[in-house]
Amino acid sequence: MLVFRRGFHGPNGTRTKVLKFLETSIKCALLLLLPVPFAVGAAIFWYFLLFKQEIHFGESMELIITSAWIPTFGILYTLMAAIVLSTVWAEYKSMRTAVKRYDFETFVDLRDEEMSPLVHVLMVVLSIAVLGAFMGLKYPSPISGILLISTTTYVLALIFFVIIEVDDPCGGIWFIKNIHQEWLAMDVKKWRAKRAQDARKKFLEHQGSPQKDVET
């Protein structure tokens, strides 16, 4: 009876696994450090410009903010983040598969395919709406406010950086290592233009050819 089988990692499996673990850990650490300046900046902004000046919502307004504003925009942001992450991750996996299969057609179509700036604008607006609501609350102490605002900012910024990294598999921290050098060196825009020109030529030739009778 076979209950358990050890995973296969090649002839140098243990060494490869350790190196991959170290590489992934370093990349994760770098990625986790990127949102820190934003979290610190948001906490400083709130402390000196809002908390020290005693600028916050009134008690009746806080009830509306916590029961309606934050949940509504929080849900909208969550839905948008899920859709965007799902889209860019699907493209990332497609590019990895294309590299493994040496499928240049798929790679060249996805290499410059980036998320629209309009989507990023929408995500930023939703983030500001949620973060602004948290900043406007009256906190019992500066520590509680700094903790809540900095962590909220950190998570929102981390989601943004993760989307940026996955959306550009050819560069950044989380890039695809095994992309063929000849693919990276090629001007994909010219290649796509040439392909489109050839396809247009074939289309026009087909349109100009005599129509055959179709039996019904």
C-alpha atoms as a PDB file:
ATOM      1  CA  MET A   1       0.000   0.000   0.000  1.00  0.00           C
ATOM      2  CA  LEU A   2       1.400   3.398  -1.035  1.00  0.00           C
ATOM      3  CA  VAL A   3       0.284   6.102   1.383  1.00  0.00           C
ATOM      4  CA  PHE A   4       2.812   8.872   0.729  1.00  0.00           C
ATOM      5  CA  ARG A   5       5.215   9.752  -2.085  1.00  0.00           C
ATOM      6  CA  ARG A   6       7.940  12.342  -1.828  1.00  0.00           C
ATOM      7  CA  GLY A   7       7.758  15.082  -4.444  1.00  0.00           C
ATOM      8  CA  PHE A   8      10.190  14.852  -7.344  1.00  0.00           C
ATOM      9  CA  HIS A   9      12.586  17.806  -7.647  1.00  0.00           C
ATOM     10  CA  GLY A  10      15.200  16.466 -10.054  1.00  0.00           C
ATOM     11  CA  PRO A  11      18.708  15.119  -9.377  1.00  0.00           C
ATOM     12  CA  ASN A  12      19.653  18.191  -7.281  1.00  0.00           C
ATOM     13  CA  GLY A  13      16.205  18.421  -5.738  1.00  0.00           C
ATOM     14  CA  THR A  14      17.147  19.424  -2.194  1.00  0.00           C
ATOM     15  CA  ARG A  15      19.636  22.096  -3.280  1.00  0.00           C
ATOM     16  CA  THR A  16      17.234  23.478  -5.894  1.00  0.00           C
ATOM     17  CA  LYS A  17      14.401  23.562  -3.386  1.00  0.00           C
ATOM     18  CA  VAL A  18      16.516  25.411  -0.799  1.00  0.00           C
ATOM     19  CA  LEU A  19      17.744  27.969  -3.338  1.00  0.00           C
ATOM     20  CA  LYS A  20      14.216  28.530  -4.593  1.00  0.00           C
ATOM     21  CA  PHE A  21      12.989  28.998  -1.028  1.00  0.00           C
ATOM     22  CA  LEU A  22      15.708  31.573  -0.314  1.00  0.00           C
ATOM     23  CA  GLU A  23      15.057  33.421  -3.553  1.00  0.00           C
ATOM     24  CA  THR A  24      11.312  33.527  -2.917  1.00  0.00           C
ATOM     25  CA  SER A  25      11.870  34.689   0.672  1.00  0.00           C
ATOM     26  CA  ILE A  26      14.097  37.562  -0.452  1.00  0.00           C
ATOM     27  CA  LYS A  27      11.597  38.613  -3.114  1.00  0.00           C
ATOM     28  CA  CYS A  28       8.730  38.498  -0.613  1.00  0.00           C
ATOM     29  CA  ALA A  29      10.743  40.549   1.884  1.00  0.00           C
ATOM     30  CA  LEU A  30      11.473  43.206  -0.741  1.00  0.00           C
ATOM     31  CA  LEU A  31       7.837  43.284  -1.804  1.00  0.00           C
ATOM     32  CA  LEU A  32       6.679  43.600   1.799  1.00  0.00           C
ATOM     33  CA  LEU A  33       9.001  46.568   2.317  1.00  0.00           C
ATOM     34  CA  LEU A  34       7.577  48.609  -0.581  1.00  0.00           C
ATOM     35  CA  PRO A  35       4.360  49.735   1.203  1.00  0.00           C
ATOM     36  CA  VAL A  36       6.189  50.751   4.410  1.00  0.00           C
ATOM     37  CA  PRO A  37       6.934  54.384   3.346  1.00  0.00           C
ATOM     38  CA  PHE A  38       3.280  54.884   2.419  1.00  0.00           C
ATOM     39  CA  ALA A  39       2.085  53.483   5.759  1.00  0.00           C
ATOM     40  CA  VAL A  40       4.516  55.687   7.676  1.00  0.00           C
ATOM     41  CA  GLY A  41       3.625  58.748   5.601  1.00  0.00           C
ATOM     42  CA  ALA A  42      -0.113  58.245   6.137  1.00  0.00           C
ATOM     43  CA  ALA A  43       0.359  57.855   9.900  1.00  0.00           C
ATOM     44  CA  ILE A  44       2.488  61.034  10.100  1.00  0.00           C
ATOM     45  CA  PHE A  45      -0.030  62.950   7.997  1.00  0.00           C
ATOM     46  CA  TRP A  46      -2.905  61.875  10.230  1.00  0.00           C
ATOM     47  CA  TYR A  47      -1.088  62.562  13.489  1.00  0.00           C
ATOM     48  CA  PHE A  48       0.148  66.071  12.753  1.00  0.00           C
ATOM     49  CA  LEU A  49      -2.570  67.409  10.454  1.00  0.00           C
ATOM     50  CA  LEU A  50      -5.689  65.747  11.904  1.00  0.00           C
ATOM     51  CA  PHE A  51      -5.137  64.323  15.379  1.00  0.00           C
ATOM     52  CA  LYS A  52      -3.043  67.190  16.757  1.00  0.00           C
ATOM     53  CA  GLN A  53      -5.512  69.710  15.303  1.00  0.00           C
ATOM     54  CA  GLU A  54      -8.466  67.716  16.693  1.00  0.00           C
ATOM     55  CA  ILE A  55     -10.040  67.400  13.242  1.00  0.00           C
ATOM     56  CA  HIS A  56     -12.451  64.461  13.096  1.00  0.00           C
ATOM     57  CA  PHE A  57     -16.061  63.537  12.391  1.00  0.00           C
ATOM     58  CA  GLY A  58     -18.790  64.157  14.939  1.00  0.00           C
ATOM     59  CA  GLU A  59     -20.366  61.290  16.854  1.00  0.00           C
ATOM     60  CA  SER A  60     -23.474  61.135  14.665  1.00  0.00           C
ATOM     61  CA  MET A  61     -21.352  61.223  11.512  1.00  0.00           C
ATOM     62  CA  GLU A  62     -19.055  58.499  12.832  1.00  0.00           C
ATOM     63  CA  LEU A  63     -22.022  56.145  13.060  1.00  0.00           C
ATOM     64  CA  ILE A  64     -22.801  56.734   9.389  1.00  0.00           C
ATOM     65  CA  ILE A  65     -19.145  56.350   8.410  1.00  0.00           C
ATOM     66  CA  THR A  66     -18.632  53.064  10.268  1.00  0.00           C
ATOM     67  CA  SER A  67     -21.971  51.495   9.360  1.00  0.00           C
ATOM     68  CA  ALA A  68     -22.359  52.670   5.746  1.00  0.00           C
ATOM     69  CA  TRP A  69     -19.398  54.505   4.217  1.00  0.00           C
ATOM     70  CA  ILE A  70     -16.543  52.140   5.126  1.00  0.00           C
ATOM     71  CA  PRO A  71     -18.463  48.889   4.453  1.00  0.00           C
ATOM     72  CA  THR A  72     -19.792  50.145   1.095  1.00  0.00           C
ATOM     73  CA  PHE A  73     -16.507  51.386  -0.309  1.00  0.00           C
ATOM     74  CA  GLY A  74     -14.642  48.517   1.349  1.00  0.00           C
ATOM     75  CA  ILE A  75     -16.805  45.970  -0.462  1.00  0.00           C
ATOM     76  CA  LEU A  76     -16.416  47.832  -3.766  1.00  0.00           C
ATOM     77  CA  TYR A  77     -12.651  47.910  -3.322  1.00  0.00           C
ATOM     78  CA  THR A  78     -12.544  44.209  -2.446  1.00  0.00           C
ATOM     79  CA  LEU A  79     -14.556  43.266  -5.533  1.00  0.00           C
ATOM     80  CA  MET A  80     -12.381  45.408  -7.811  1.00  0.00           C
ATOM     81  CA  ALA A  81      -9.166  44.068  -6.290  1.00  0.00           C
ATOM     82  CA  ALA A  82     -10.374  40.481  -6.725  1.00  0.00           C
ATOM     83  CA  ILE A  83     -11.264  41.067 -10.388  1.00  0.00           C
ATOM     84  CA  VAL A  84      -8.000  42.846 -11.175  1.00  0.00           C
ATOM     85  CA  LEU A  85      -5.838  40.276  -9.384  1.00  0.00           C
ATOM     86  CA  SER A  86      -7.665  37.424 -11.108  1.00  0.00           C
ATOM     87  CA  THR A  87      -7.146  39.059 -14.526  1.00  0.00           C
ATOM     88  CA  VAL A  88      -3.439  39.841 -14.165  1.00  0.00           C
ATOM     89  CA  TRP A  89      -2.729  36.463 -12.566  1.00  0.00           C
ATOM     90  CA  ALA A  90      -4.407  34.636 -15.470  1.00  0.00           C
ATOM     91  CA  GLU A  91      -2.236  36.590 -17.929  1.00  0.00           C
ATOM     92  CA  TYR A  92       0.857  35.861 -15.826  1.00  0.00           C
ATOM     93  CA  LYS A  93       0.147  32.117 -15.895  1.00  0.00           C
ATOM     94  CA  SER A  94      -0.498  32.257 -19.643  1.00  0.00           C
ATOM     95  CA  MET A  95       2.883  33.924 -20.213  1.00  0.00           C
ATOM     96  CA  ARG A  96       4.652  31.322 -18.078  1.00  0.00           C
ATOM     97  CA  THR A  97       3.004  28.536 -20.058  1.00  0.00           C
ATOM     98  CA  ALA A  98       3.921  30.256 -23.333  1.00  0.00           C
ATOM     99  CA  VAL A  99       7.571  30.421 -22.273  1.00  0.00           C
ATOM    100  CA  LYS A 100       7.595  26.724 -21.387  1.00  0.00           C
ATOM    101  CA  ARG A 101       6.033  25.768 -24.734  1.00  0.00           C
ATOM    102  CA  TYR A 102       8.051  28.304 -26.749  1.00  0.00           C
ATOM    103  CA  ASP A 103       4.741  29.801 -27.848  1.00  0.00           C
ATOM    104  CA  PHE A 104       5.890  33.192 -29.123  1.00  0.00           C
ATOM    105  CA  GLU A 105       2.448  34.131 -30.473  1.00  0.00           C
ATOM    106  CA  THR A 106       0.882  34.048 -27.017  1.00  0.00           C
ATOM    107  CA  PHE A 107       3.878  35.746 -25.407  1.00  0.00           C
ATOM    108  CA  VAL A 108       3.979  38.613 -27.876  1.00  0.00           C
ATOM    109  CA  ASP A 109       0.266  39.288 -27.382  1.00  0.00           C
ATOM    110  CA  LEU A 110       0.582  39.452 -23.588  1.00  0.00           C
ATOM    111  CA  ARG A 111       4.013  41.051 -23.139  1.00  0.00           C
ATOM    112  CA  ASP A 112       2.782  44.663 -23.331  1.00  0.00           C
ATOM    113  CA  GLU A 113      -0.751  43.924 -22.162  1.00  0.00           C
ATOM    114  CA  GLU A 114      -1.063  46.072 -19.049  1.00  0.00           C
ATOM    115  CA  MET A 115      -3.964  46.987 -16.838  1.00  0.00           C
ATOM    116  CA  SER A 116      -5.674  50.165 -17.997  1.00  0.00           C
ATOM    117  CA  PRO A 117      -4.764  53.354 -16.082  1.00  0.00           C
ATOM    118  CA  LEU A 118      -8.510  53.889 -15.616  1.00  0.00           C
ATOM    119  CA  VAL A 119      -8.634  50.764 -13.453  1.00  0.00           C
ATOM    120  CA  HIS A 120      -5.746  52.041 -11.344  1.00  0.00           C
ATOM    121  CA  VAL A 121      -7.480  55.405 -10.974  1.00  0.00           C
ATOM    122  CA  LEU A 122     -10.649  53.669  -9.776  1.00  0.00           C
ATOM    123  CA  MET A 123      -8.673  51.564  -7.300  1.00  0.00           C
ATOM    124  CA  VAL A 124      -6.866  54.641  -5.952  1.00  0.00           C
ATOM    125  CA  VAL A 125     -10.132  56.558  -5.531  1.00  0.00           C
ATOM    126  CA  LEU A 126     -11.705  53.672  -3.622  1.00  0.00           C
ATOM    127  CA  SER A 127      -8.565  53.394  -1.473  1.00  0.00           C
ATOM    128  CA  ILE A 128      -8.668  57.107  -0.659  1.00  0.00           C
ATOM    129  CA  ALA A 129     -12.360  56.853   0.243  1.00  0.00           C
ATOM    130  CA  VAL A 130     -11.718  54.016   2.685  1.00  0.00           C
ATOM    131  CA  LEU A 131      -8.519  55.470   4.133  1.00  0.00           C
ATOM    132  CA  GLY A 132     -10.026  58.955   4.422  1.00  0.00           C
ATOM    133  CA  ALA A 133     -12.933  57.538   6.402  1.00  0.00           C
ATOM    134  CA  PHE A 134     -10.545  55.846   8.830  1.00  0.00           C
ATOM    135  CA  MET A 135      -8.550  59.049   9.200  1.00  0.00           C
ATOM    136  CA  GLY A 136     -11.672  61.024  10.039  1.00  0.00           C
ATOM    137  CA  LEU A 137     -12.647  58.867  13.007  1.00  0.00           C
ATOM    138  CA  LYS A 138     -12.028  60.031  16.570  1.00  0.00           C
ATOM    139  CA  TYR A 139      -9.504  57.723  18.211  1.00  0.00           C
ATOM    140  CA  PRO A 140      -9.050  57.449  21.987  1.00  0.00           C
ATOM    141  CA  SER A 141      -5.260  57.614  21.710  1.00  0.00           C
ATOM    142  CA  PRO A 142      -2.636  58.413  19.067  1.00  0.00           C
ATOM    143  CA  ILE A 143      -1.284  54.830  19.241  1.00  0.00           C
ATOM    144  CA  SER A 144      -4.628  53.323  18.286  1.00  0.00           C
ATOM    145  CA  GLY A 145      -5.041  55.750  15.394  1.00  0.00           C
ATOM    146  CA  ILE A 146      -1.505  55.255  14.108  1.00  0.00           C
ATOM    147  CA  LEU A 147      -1.882  51.476  14.326  1.00  0.00           C
ATOM    148  CA  LEU A 148      -5.178  51.367  12.452  1.00  0.00           C
ATOM    149  CA  ILE A 149      -4.283  53.932   9.788  1.00  0.00           C
ATOM    150  CA  SER A 150      -0.802  52.585   9.114  1.00  0.00           C
ATOM    151  CA  THR A 151      -1.987  48.986   8.788  1.00  0.00           C
ATOM    152  CA  THR A 152      -4.882  49.984   6.523  1.00  0.00           C
ATOM    153  CA  THR A 153      -2.551  52.009   4.315  1.00  0.00           C
ATOM    154  CA  TYR A 154      -0.035  49.179   4.275  1.00  0.00           C
ATOM    155  CA  VAL A 155      -2.579  46.611   3.079  1.00  0.00           C
ATOM    156  CA  LEU A 156      -4.000  48.917   0.396  1.00  0.00           C
ATOM    157  CA  ALA A 157      -0.506  49.770  -0.879  1.00  0.00           C
ATOM    158  CA  LEU A 158       0.565  46.125  -0.798  1.00  0.00           C
ATOM    159  CA  ILE A 159      -2.372  45.117  -2.993  1.00  0.00           C
ATOM    160  CA  PHE A 160      -1.386  47.861  -5.448  1.00  0.00           C
ATOM    161  CA  PHE A 161       2.250  46.693  -5.605  1.00  0.00           C
ATOM    162  CA  VAL A 162       1.241  43.055  -6.015  1.00  0.00           C
ATOM    163  CA  ILE A 163      -0.955  43.996  -8.980  1.00  0.00           C
ATOM    164  CA  ILE A 164       1.879  46.040 -10.515  1.00  0.00           C
ATOM    165  CA  GLU A 165       4.366  43.190 -10.094  1.00  0.00           C
ATOM    166  CA  VAL A 166       2.113  40.497 -11.546  1.00  0.00           C
ATOM    167  CA  ASP A 167       1.023  42.791 -14.370  1.00  0.00           C
ATOM    168  CA  ASP A 168       4.636  43.067 -15.640  1.00  0.00           C
ATOM    169  CA  PRO A 169       6.137  39.548 -15.701  1.00  0.00           C
ATOM    170  CA  CYS A 170       9.181  40.699 -17.714  1.00  0.00           C
ATOM    171  CA  GLY A 171      10.531  43.086 -15.069  1.00  0.00           C
ATOM    172  CA  GLY A 172      10.299  44.148 -11.467  1.00  0.00           C
ATOM    173  CA  ILE A 173      10.722  41.835  -8.483  1.00  0.00           C
ATOM    174  CA  TRP A 174       8.338  39.033  -9.443  1.00  0.00           C
ATOM    175  CA  PHE A 175       9.487  38.408 -13.021  1.00  0.00           C
ATOM    176  CA  ILE A 176       9.513  35.217 -15.086  1.00  0.00           C
ATOM    177  CA  LYS A 177      13.119  34.003 -15.020  1.00  0.00           C
ATOM    178  CA  ASN A 178      13.090  31.638 -17.988  1.00  0.00           C
ATOM    179  CA  ILE A 179      11.988  34.068 -20.693  1.00  0.00           C
ATOM    180  CA  HIS A 180      14.115  33.479 -23.779  1.00  0.00           C
ATOM    181  CA  GLN A 181      16.632  36.248 -24.449  1.00  0.00           C
ATOM    182  CA  GLU A 182      15.702  36.485 -28.115  1.00  0.00           C
ATOM    183  CA  TRP A 183      12.125  37.233 -27.062  1.00  0.00           C
ATOM    184  CA  LEU A 184      13.176  40.019 -24.715  1.00  0.00           C
ATOM    185  CA  ALA A 185      15.464  41.562 -27.332  1.00  0.00           C
ATOM    186  CA  MET A 186      12.789  41.599 -30.037  1.00  0.00           C
ATOM    187  CA  ASP A 187      10.719  44.711 -30.791  1.00  0.00           C
ATOM    188  CA  VAL A 188       7.305  43.165 -30.241  1.00  0.00           C
ATOM    189  CA  LYS A 189       5.450  46.231 -31.514  1.00  0.00           C
ATOM    190  CA  LYS A 190       7.098  45.977 -34.927  1.00  0.00           C
ATOM    191  CA  TRP A 191       6.490  42.235 -34.970  1.00  0.00           C
ATOM    192  CA  ARG A 192       2.807  42.705 -34.183  1.00  0.00           C
ATOM    193  CA  ALA A 193       2.541  45.452 -36.807  1.00  0.00           C
ATOM    194  CA  LYS A 194       4.040  43.128 -39.419  1.00  0.00           C
ATOM    195  CA  ARG A 195       1.674  40.340 -38.400  1.00  0.00           C
ATOM    196  CA  ALA A 196      -1.311  42.685 -38.581  1.00  0.00           C
ATOM    197  CA  GLN A 197      -0.194  43.910 -42.014  1.00  0.00           C
ATOM    198  CA  ASP A 198       0.052  40.345 -43.319  1.00  0.00           C
ATOM    199  CA  ALA A 199      -3.345  39.480 -41.848  1.00  0.00           C
ATOM    200  CA  ARG A 200      -4.885  42.591 -43.418  1.00  0.00           C
ATOM    201  CA  LYS A 201      -3.386  41.691 -46.799  1.00  0.00           C
ATOM    202  CA  LYS A 202      -4.881  38.208 -46.620  1.00  0.00           C
ATOM    203  CA  PHE A 203      -8.221  39.663 -45.554  1.00  0.00           C
ATOM    204  CA  LEU A 204      -8.319  42.097 -48.474  1.00  0.00           C
ATOM    205  CA  GLU A 205      -7.342  39.340 -50.903  1.00  0.00           C
ATOM    206  CA  HIS A 206     -10.152  37.190 -49.568  1.00  0.00           C
ATOM    207  CA  GLN A 207     -12.642  40.042 -49.838  1.00  0.00           C
ATOM    208  CA  GLY A 208     -11.615  40.671 -53.431  1.00  0.00           C
ATOM    209  CA  SER A 209     -11.874  37.018 -54.480  1.00  0.00           C
ATOM    210  CA  PRO A 210     -15.057  35.940 -56.350  1.00  0.00           C
ATOM    211  CA  GLN A 211     -17.768  34.675 -54.067  1.00  0.00           C
ATOM    212  CA  LYS A 212     -18.657  31.034 -54.395  1.00  0.00           C
ATOM    213  CA  ASP A 213     -22.246  29.931 -54.553  1.00  0.00           C
ATOM    214  CA  VAL A 214     -23.360  28.447 -51.299  1.00  0.00           C
ATOM    215  CA  GLU A 215     -25.890  25.674 -51.397  1.00  0.00           C
ATOM    216  CA  THR A 216     -28.660  26.065 -48.949  1.00  0.00           C
END
